[in-house]
Amino acid sequence: MKRFEQNVDRRSRAAMTAFLAGHFRYDTMNRWNRSTSYANNLKIHTLGFPAEVMAKAWDILRCSEVTAALNGLLQDWAQEYDWMWQAGFNGRSGGYLVLYRGGLDKPNAKTARCNLCGKLTWHTVDTPCTTDGCIGLLQVLPEPQPQIITWPGKSVDQGEDFSEWDLEPLRERVRLVRSFDRLCDDVVDTFVAFCRDYKIVEAEVPAIRTIKTLQPLTQGDSL
């Protein structure tokens, strides 16, 4: 099965430069944008899965539990970098995991959340929720909650001349990209675990809808 993380001699400028310059890259937005970043191809047919995994892979991929677990891995990884670095899927079929720049909008952090609908606002004292129809209370948060920002249009090290970098920043970039590659391995391992440990069952979910019917007028009804 394909693995992405590789050892890099961080004592050698040549080895680190070769690793970064030769790493696979992909678009951060669309091809017309011409901005690329470090990436890996996680399309199912490219990963060398064994037959028993491939037998369920396409159906497992569509399950919400799998999507939630994989997104959780991406969020946990981004939190380790205080959201300054993030990973997200891109491509026509979403088959490429790409390294993105990002951050937290701390100056505009929200300060209150509704205890019923979850709405975030900038209130500084507890107050009734401002969402129409909601009877909840906007409660001041223990700490302001900034919005997560992602910059998908920005490239990362595109056309960079690493020979001009000092050694320590170069090592830090290698650590980052290796960590990103390790994340890709974690995503694949988690997906494979779902394929091996779970089976797909079909369940009927009743649809609830509102319909209009007619009833005779009774005394007290208005026309």
C-alpha atoms as a PDB file:
ATOM      1  CA  MET A   1       0.000   0.000   0.000  1.00  0.00           C
ATOM      2  CA  LYS A   2       1.304   3.444  -0.897  1.00  0.00           C
ATOM      3  CA  ARG A   3       2.937   5.543   1.836  1.00  0.00           C
ATOM      4  CA  PHE A   4       3.682   9.262   1.668  1.00  0.00           C
ATOM      5  CA  GLU A   5       5.954  10.141   4.578  1.00  0.00           C
ATOM      6  CA  GLN A   6       9.635   9.652   3.863  1.00  0.00           C
ATOM      7  CA  ASN A   7      12.850  10.143   5.781  1.00  0.00           C
ATOM      8  CA  VAL A   8      14.850  13.269   4.982  1.00  0.00           C
ATOM      9  CA  ASP A   9      18.372  13.966   6.206  1.00  0.00           C
ATOM     10  CA  ARG A  10      17.955  17.356   7.875  1.00  0.00           C
ATOM     11  CA  ARG A  11      21.724  17.664   8.251  1.00  0.00           C
ATOM     12  CA  SER A  12      22.023  17.970   4.490  1.00  0.00           C
ATOM     13  CA  ARG A  13      20.897  21.099   2.635  1.00  0.00           C
ATOM     14  CA  ALA A  14      20.955  19.148  -0.629  1.00  0.00           C
ATOM     15  CA  ALA A  15      18.677  16.417   0.741  1.00  0.00           C
ATOM     16  CA  MET A  16      16.196  18.893   2.174  1.00  0.00           C
ATOM     17  CA  THR A  17      16.149  20.994  -0.982  1.00  0.00           C
ATOM     18  CA  ALA A  18      15.640  17.910  -3.153  1.00  0.00           C
ATOM     19  CA  PHE A  19      12.768  16.763  -0.948  1.00  0.00           C
ATOM     20  CA  LEU A  20      10.911  20.082  -1.064  1.00  0.00           C
ATOM     21  CA  ALA A  21      11.606  20.841  -4.713  1.00  0.00           C
ATOM     22  CA  GLY A  22      10.628  17.338  -5.821  1.00  0.00           C
ATOM     23  CA  HIS A  23       7.485  17.002  -3.731  1.00  0.00           C
ATOM     24  CA  PHE A  24       4.231  16.479  -5.589  1.00  0.00           C
ATOM     25  CA  ARG A  25       2.180  19.653  -5.932  1.00  0.00           C
ATOM     26  CA  TYR A  26      -1.393  20.481  -6.852  1.00  0.00           C
ATOM     27  CA  ASP A  27      -3.604  23.511  -7.413  1.00  0.00           C
ATOM     28  CA  THR A  28      -4.746  25.421  -4.347  1.00  0.00           C
ATOM     29  CA  MET A  29      -7.908  26.562  -6.125  1.00  0.00           C
ATOM     30  CA  ASN A  30      -8.457  26.045  -9.870  1.00  0.00           C
ATOM     31  CA  ARG A  31      -6.052  25.517 -12.739  1.00  0.00           C
ATOM     32  CA  TRP A  32      -6.693  29.002 -14.044  1.00  0.00           C
ATOM     33  CA  ASN A  33      -5.439  30.408 -10.747  1.00  0.00           C
ATOM     34  CA  ARG A  34      -2.003  28.822 -11.353  1.00  0.00           C
ATOM     35  CA  SER A  35      -1.261  28.687  -7.623  1.00  0.00           C
ATOM     36  CA  THR A  36       0.037  25.385  -6.263  1.00  0.00           C
ATOM     37  CA  SER A  37       1.104  23.904  -2.951  1.00  0.00           C
ATOM     38  CA  TYR A  38       2.445  20.675  -1.517  1.00  0.00           C
ATOM     39  CA  ALA A  39      -0.094  17.902  -2.050  1.00  0.00           C
ATOM     40  CA  ASN A  40      -0.624  14.171  -2.379  1.00  0.00           C
ATOM     41  CA  ASN A  41      -2.870  12.112  -4.630  1.00  0.00           C
ATOM     42  CA  LEU A  42      -5.289  10.164  -2.425  1.00  0.00           C
ATOM     43  CA  LYS A  43      -7.510   8.809  -5.173  1.00  0.00           C
ATOM     44  CA  ILE A  44      -8.555   5.285  -4.278  1.00  0.00           C
ATOM     45  CA  HIS A  45      -7.256   3.633  -7.439  1.00  0.00           C
ATOM     46  CA  THR A  46      -3.745   5.065  -6.901  1.00  0.00           C
ATOM     47  CA  LEU A  47      -3.152   3.796  -3.355  1.00  0.00           C
ATOM     48  CA  GLY A  48      -2.481   0.119  -4.016  1.00  0.00           C
ATOM     49  CA  PHE A  49      -5.217  -1.215  -1.748  1.00  0.00           C
ATOM     50  CA  PRO A  50      -5.531  -4.994  -1.366  1.00  0.00           C
ATOM     51  CA  ALA A  51      -8.521  -6.670  -2.982  1.00  0.00           C
ATOM     52  CA  GLU A  52     -10.572  -6.955   0.225  1.00  0.00           C
ATOM     53  CA  VAL A  53     -10.291  -3.198   0.784  1.00  0.00           C
ATOM     54  CA  MET A  54     -11.032  -2.278  -2.823  1.00  0.00           C
ATOM     55  CA  ALA A  55     -14.184  -4.412  -2.694  1.00  0.00           C
ATOM     56  CA  LYS A  56     -15.779  -1.943  -0.254  1.00  0.00           C
ATOM     57  CA  ALA A  57     -13.760   1.242  -0.779  1.00  0.00           C
ATOM     58  CA  TRP A  58     -16.068   3.136  -3.136  1.00  0.00           C
ATOM     59  CA  ASP A  59     -19.190   2.483  -1.068  1.00  0.00           C
ATOM     60  CA  ILE A  60     -17.456   3.172   2.265  1.00  0.00           C
ATOM     61  CA  LEU A  61     -16.225   6.504   0.906  1.00  0.00           C
ATOM     62  CA  ARG A  62     -19.832   7.721   0.628  1.00  0.00           C
ATOM     63  CA  CYS A  63     -20.679   7.046   4.282  1.00  0.00           C
ATOM     64  CA  SER A  64     -21.065  10.075   6.553  1.00  0.00           C
ATOM     65  CA  GLU A  65     -19.211   8.384   9.429  1.00  0.00           C
ATOM     66  CA  VAL A  66     -16.115   8.093   7.269  1.00  0.00           C
ATOM     67  CA  THR A  67     -16.323  11.695   6.107  1.00  0.00           C
ATOM     68  CA  ALA A  68     -16.640  12.890   9.711  1.00  0.00           C
ATOM     69  CA  ALA A  69     -13.647  10.839  10.850  1.00  0.00           C
ATOM     70  CA  LEU A  70     -11.401  12.070   8.031  1.00  0.00           C
ATOM     71  CA  ASN A  71     -12.439  15.696   8.546  1.00  0.00           C
ATOM     72  CA  GLY A  72     -11.673  15.246  12.237  1.00  0.00           C
ATOM     73  CA  LEU A  73      -8.106  14.229  11.370  1.00  0.00           C
ATOM     74  CA  LEU A  74      -7.662  17.344   9.234  1.00  0.00           C
ATOM     75  CA  GLN A  75      -9.029  19.603  11.975  1.00  0.00           C
ATOM     76  CA  ASP A  76      -6.851  18.059  14.686  1.00  0.00           C
ATOM     77  CA  TRP A  77      -3.782  18.519  12.502  1.00  0.00           C
ATOM     78  CA  ALA A  78      -4.609  22.155  11.731  1.00  0.00           C
ATOM     79  CA  GLN A  79      -5.153  22.883  15.418  1.00  0.00           C
ATOM     80  CA  GLU A  80      -1.603  21.738  16.124  1.00  0.00           C
ATOM     81  CA  TYR A  81      -0.457  24.638  13.932  1.00  0.00           C
ATOM     82  CA  ASP A  82      -2.978  27.089  15.398  1.00  0.00           C
ATOM     83  CA  TRP A  83      -4.706  26.936  11.988  1.00  0.00           C
ATOM     84  CA  MET A  84      -1.754  28.726  10.334  1.00  0.00           C
ATOM     85  CA  TRP A  85      -1.422  25.597   8.207  1.00  0.00           C
ATOM     86  CA  GLN A  86      -4.406  23.562   7.073  1.00  0.00           C
ATOM     87  CA  ALA A  87      -5.089  20.609   4.810  1.00  0.00           C
ATOM     88  CA  GLY A  88      -8.060  20.244   2.502  1.00  0.00           C
ATOM     89  CA  PHE A  89      -9.279  18.135  -0.392  1.00  0.00           C
ATOM     90  CA  ASN A  90      -9.237  19.614  -3.874  1.00  0.00           C
ATOM     91  CA  GLY A  91      -9.659  18.453  -7.444  1.00  0.00           C
ATOM     92  CA  ARG A  92     -12.651  17.628  -9.610  1.00  0.00           C
ATOM     93  CA  SER A  93     -13.412  14.519  -7.546  1.00  0.00           C
ATOM     94  CA  GLY A  94     -11.790  15.779  -4.341  1.00  0.00           C
ATOM     95  CA  GLY A  95      -8.992  13.236  -4.625  1.00  0.00           C
ATOM     96  CA  TYR A  96      -6.009  15.441  -3.759  1.00  0.00           C
ATOM     97  CA  LEU A  97      -5.101  16.515  -0.232  1.00  0.00           C
ATOM     98  CA  VAL A  98      -3.471  19.951  -0.396  1.00  0.00           C
ATOM     99  CA  LEU A  99      -1.528  22.037   2.130  1.00  0.00           C
ATOM    100  CA  TYR A 100      -3.081  25.483   2.627  1.00  0.00           C
ATOM    101  CA  ARG A 101      -2.159  28.657   4.421  1.00  0.00           C
ATOM    102  CA  GLY A 102      -4.665  29.937   6.957  1.00  0.00           C
ATOM    103  CA  GLY A 103      -5.102  31.442  10.376  1.00  0.00           C
ATOM    104  CA  LEU A 104      -7.541  32.747  12.959  1.00  0.00           C
ATOM    105  CA  ASP A 105      -9.354  36.076  12.681  1.00  0.00           C
ATOM    106  CA  LYS A 106      -8.694  37.021  16.312  1.00  0.00           C
ATOM    107  CA  PRO A 107      -9.498  40.758  16.009  1.00  0.00           C
ATOM    108  CA  ASN A 108     -13.076  39.873  14.977  1.00  0.00           C
ATOM    109  CA  ALA A 109     -13.548  36.942  17.341  1.00  0.00           C
ATOM    110  CA  LYS A 110     -17.136  36.201  18.398  1.00  0.00           C
ATOM    111  CA  THR A 111     -17.851  36.666  22.097  1.00  0.00           C
ATOM    112  CA  ALA A 112     -21.241  35.011  22.713  1.00  0.00           C
ATOM    113  CA  ARG A 113     -23.096  31.857  21.632  1.00  0.00           C
ATOM    114  CA  CYS A 114     -26.791  30.932  21.794  1.00  0.00           C
ATOM    115  CA  ASN A 115     -27.432  27.987  24.116  1.00  0.00           C
ATOM    116  CA  LEU A 116     -30.148  26.676  21.765  1.00  0.00           C
ATOM    117  CA  CYS A 117     -29.379  27.421  18.094  1.00  0.00           C
ATOM    118  CA  GLY A 118     -25.619  27.910  18.484  1.00  0.00           C
ATOM    119  CA  LYS A 119     -25.539  31.326  16.820  1.00  0.00           C
ATOM    120  CA  LEU A 120     -22.320  33.262  17.475  1.00  0.00           C
ATOM    121  CA  THR A 121     -22.388  37.040  18.024  1.00  0.00           C
ATOM    122  CA  TRP A 122     -20.278  39.873  19.407  1.00  0.00           C
ATOM    123  CA  HIS A 123     -22.446  40.534  22.494  1.00  0.00           C
ATOM    124  CA  THR A 124     -20.539  41.194  25.711  1.00  0.00           C
ATOM    125  CA  VAL A 125     -23.397  40.456  28.125  1.00  0.00           C
ATOM    126  CA  ASP A 126     -25.936  37.624  28.226  1.00  0.00           C
ATOM    127  CA  THR A 127     -28.953  38.565  26.142  1.00  0.00           C
ATOM    128  CA  PRO A 128     -31.917  36.863  24.385  1.00  0.00           C
ATOM    129  CA  CYS A 129     -31.001  35.294  21.051  1.00  0.00           C
ATOM    130  CA  THR A 130     -31.473  37.541  18.044  1.00  0.00           C
ATOM    131  CA  THR A 131     -32.366  34.693  15.662  1.00  0.00           C
ATOM    132  CA  ASP A 132     -36.010  34.851  14.555  1.00  0.00           C
ATOM    133  CA  GLY A 133     -38.074  32.267  16.419  1.00  0.00           C
ATOM    134  CA  CYS A 134     -35.277  31.203  18.768  1.00  0.00           C
ATOM    135  CA  ILE A 135     -36.014  31.464  22.503  1.00  0.00           C
ATOM    136  CA  GLY A 136     -32.438  30.732  23.532  1.00  0.00           C
ATOM    137  CA  LEU A 137     -29.981  32.891  25.419  1.00  0.00           C
ATOM    138  CA  LEU A 138     -26.825  34.391  23.955  1.00  0.00           C
ATOM    139  CA  GLN A 139     -24.266  33.585  26.621  1.00  0.00           C
ATOM    140  CA  VAL A 140     -20.859  35.255  26.837  1.00  0.00           C
ATOM    141  CA  LEU A 141     -18.097  32.750  26.039  1.00  0.00           C
ATOM    142  CA  PRO A 142     -15.255  32.090  28.500  1.00  0.00           C
ATOM    143  CA  GLU A 143     -12.879  33.067  25.679  1.00  0.00           C
ATOM    144  CA  PRO A 144     -13.619  34.809  22.354  1.00  0.00           C
ATOM    145  CA  GLN A 145     -13.966  32.401  19.434  1.00  0.00           C
ATOM    146  CA  PRO A 146     -12.216  33.600  16.269  1.00  0.00           C
ATOM    147  CA  GLN A 147     -13.299  32.505  12.822  1.00  0.00           C
ATOM    148  CA  ILE A 148     -11.034  30.081  10.985  1.00  0.00           C
ATOM    149  CA  ILE A 149      -9.605  31.615   7.801  1.00  0.00           C
ATOM    150  CA  THR A 150      -8.346  29.620   4.813  1.00  0.00           C
ATOM    151  CA  TRP A 151      -6.525  31.154   1.856  1.00  0.00           C
ATOM    152  CA  PRO A 152      -7.040  28.630  -0.967  1.00  0.00           C
ATOM    153  CA  GLY A 153      -5.796  31.047  -3.601  1.00  0.00           C
ATOM    154  CA  LYS A 154      -2.324  31.420  -2.096  1.00  0.00           C
ATOM    155  CA  SER A 155       0.549  29.284  -3.283  1.00  0.00           C
ATOM    156  CA  VAL A 156       3.089  27.694  -0.938  1.00  0.00           C
ATOM    157  CA  ASP A 157       6.761  27.762  -1.984  1.00  0.00           C
ATOM    158  CA  GLN A 158       5.821  27.861  -5.647  1.00  0.00           C
ATOM    159  CA  GLY A 159       9.018  28.467  -7.657  1.00  0.00           C
ATOM    160  CA  GLU A 160      10.971  28.932  -4.405  1.00  0.00           C
ATOM    161  CA  ASP A 161      14.779  28.960  -4.518  1.00  0.00           C
ATOM    162  CA  PHE A 162      15.630  26.968  -1.384  1.00  0.00           C
ATOM    163  CA  SER A 163      19.352  27.575  -1.837  1.00  0.00           C
ATOM    164  CA  GLU A 164      18.761  31.058  -0.427  1.00  0.00           C
ATOM    165  CA  TRP A 165      17.081  29.817   2.762  1.00  0.00           C
ATOM    166  CA  ASP A 166      18.887  29.635   6.101  1.00  0.00           C
ATOM    167  CA  LEU A 167      19.215  26.114   7.440  1.00  0.00           C
ATOM    168  CA  GLU A 168      16.776  26.387  10.354  1.00  0.00           C
ATOM    169  CA  PRO A 169      13.846  27.757   8.300  1.00  0.00           C
ATOM    170  CA  LEU A 170      14.614  25.070   5.735  1.00  0.00           C
ATOM    171  CA  ARG A 171      14.461  22.388   8.430  1.00  0.00           C
ATOM    172  CA  GLU A 172      11.188  23.807   9.708  1.00  0.00           C
ATOM    173  CA  ARG A 173       9.660  23.635   6.248  1.00  0.00           C
ATOM    174  CA  VAL A 174      10.804  20.022   5.885  1.00  0.00           C
ATOM    175  CA  ARG A 175       9.244  19.204   9.272  1.00  0.00           C
ATOM    176  CA  LEU A 176       5.979  20.796   8.156  1.00  0.00           C
ATOM    177  CA  VAL A 177       5.791  18.984   4.828  1.00  0.00           C
ATOM    178  CA  ARG A 178       6.758  15.658   6.405  1.00  0.00           C
ATOM    179  CA  SER A 179       4.022  16.212   8.992  1.00  0.00           C
ATOM    180  CA  PHE A 180       1.572  16.878   6.147  1.00  0.00           C
ATOM    181  CA  ASP A 181       2.679  13.654   4.438  1.00  0.00           C
ATOM    182  CA  ARG A 182       2.194  11.786   7.715  1.00  0.00           C
ATOM    183  CA  LEU A 183      -1.320  13.226   7.898  1.00  0.00           C
ATOM    184  CA  CYS A 184      -2.000  11.800   4.438  1.00  0.00           C
ATOM    185  CA  ASP A 185      -0.862   8.387   5.688  1.00  0.00           C
ATOM    186  CA  ASP A 186      -3.173   8.752   8.710  1.00  0.00           C
ATOM    187  CA  VAL A 187      -6.091   9.576   6.414  1.00  0.00           C
ATOM    188  CA  VAL A 188      -5.411   6.481   4.310  1.00  0.00           C
ATOM    189  CA  ASP A 189      -4.930   4.248   7.381  1.00  0.00           C
ATOM    190  CA  THR A 190      -8.194   5.454   8.904  1.00  0.00           C
ATOM    191  CA  PHE A 191     -10.053   4.834   5.660  1.00  0.00           C
ATOM    192  CA  VAL A 192      -8.604   1.338   5.363  1.00  0.00           C
ATOM    193  CA  ALA A 193      -9.608   0.590   8.965  1.00  0.00           C
ATOM    194  CA  PHE A 194     -13.212   1.466   8.117  1.00  0.00           C
ATOM    195  CA  CYS A 195     -13.085  -0.843   5.114  1.00  0.00           C
ATOM    196  CA  ARG A 196     -11.735  -3.738   7.184  1.00  0.00           C
ATOM    197  CA  ASP A 197     -13.707  -3.272  10.404  1.00  0.00           C
ATOM    198  CA  TYR A 198     -17.147  -2.282   9.134  1.00  0.00           C
ATOM    199  CA  LYS A 199     -19.768  -3.528   6.721  1.00  0.00           C
ATOM    200  CA  ILE A 200     -22.298  -1.433   4.868  1.00  0.00           C
ATOM    201  CA  VAL A 201     -25.953  -1.914   5.709  1.00  0.00           C
ATOM    202  CA  GLU A 202     -28.891  -0.214   4.083  1.00  0.00           C
ATOM    203  CA  ALA A 203     -31.542   1.420   6.234  1.00  0.00           C
ATOM    204  CA  GLU A 204     -34.764   3.105   5.189  1.00  0.00           C
ATOM    205  CA  VAL A 205     -35.139   6.608   6.557  1.00  0.00           C
ATOM    206  CA  PRO A 206     -38.731   7.901   6.584  1.00  0.00           C
ATOM    207  CA  ALA A 207     -39.156  11.308   5.028  1.00  0.00           C
ATOM    208  CA  ILE A 208     -41.063  13.839   7.098  1.00  0.00           C
ATOM    209  CA  ARG A 209     -42.874  16.505   5.120  1.00  0.00           C
ATOM    210  CA  THR A 210     -45.606  19.044   5.723  1.00  0.00           C
ATOM    211  CA  ILE A 211     -48.751  18.767   3.627  1.00  0.00           C
ATOM    212  CA  LYS A 212     -51.875  20.950   3.395  1.00  0.00           C
ATOM    213  CA  THR A 213     -55.340  19.394   3.843  1.00  0.00           C
ATOM    214  CA  LEU A 214     -58.888  20.797   4.080  1.00  0.00           C
ATOM    215  CA  GLN A 215     -61.130  20.795   7.148  1.00  0.00           C
ATOM    216  CA  PRO A 216     -64.658  22.222   7.482  1.00  0.00           C
ATOM    217  CA  LEU A 217     -64.907  25.578   9.202  1.00  0.00           C
ATOM    218  CA  THR A 218     -66.070  25.467  12.802  1.00  0.00           C
ATOM    219  CA  GLN A 219     -67.662  28.141  14.953  1.00  0.00           C
ATOM    220  CA  GLY A 220     -65.051  30.758  15.823  1.00  0.00           C
ATOM    221  CA  ASP A 221     -62.942  30.192  12.711  1.00  0.00           C
ATOM    222  CA  SER A 222     -62.258  33.318  10.668  1.00  0.00           C
ATOM    223  CA  LEU A 223     -62.860  33.304   6.936  1.00  0.00           C
END
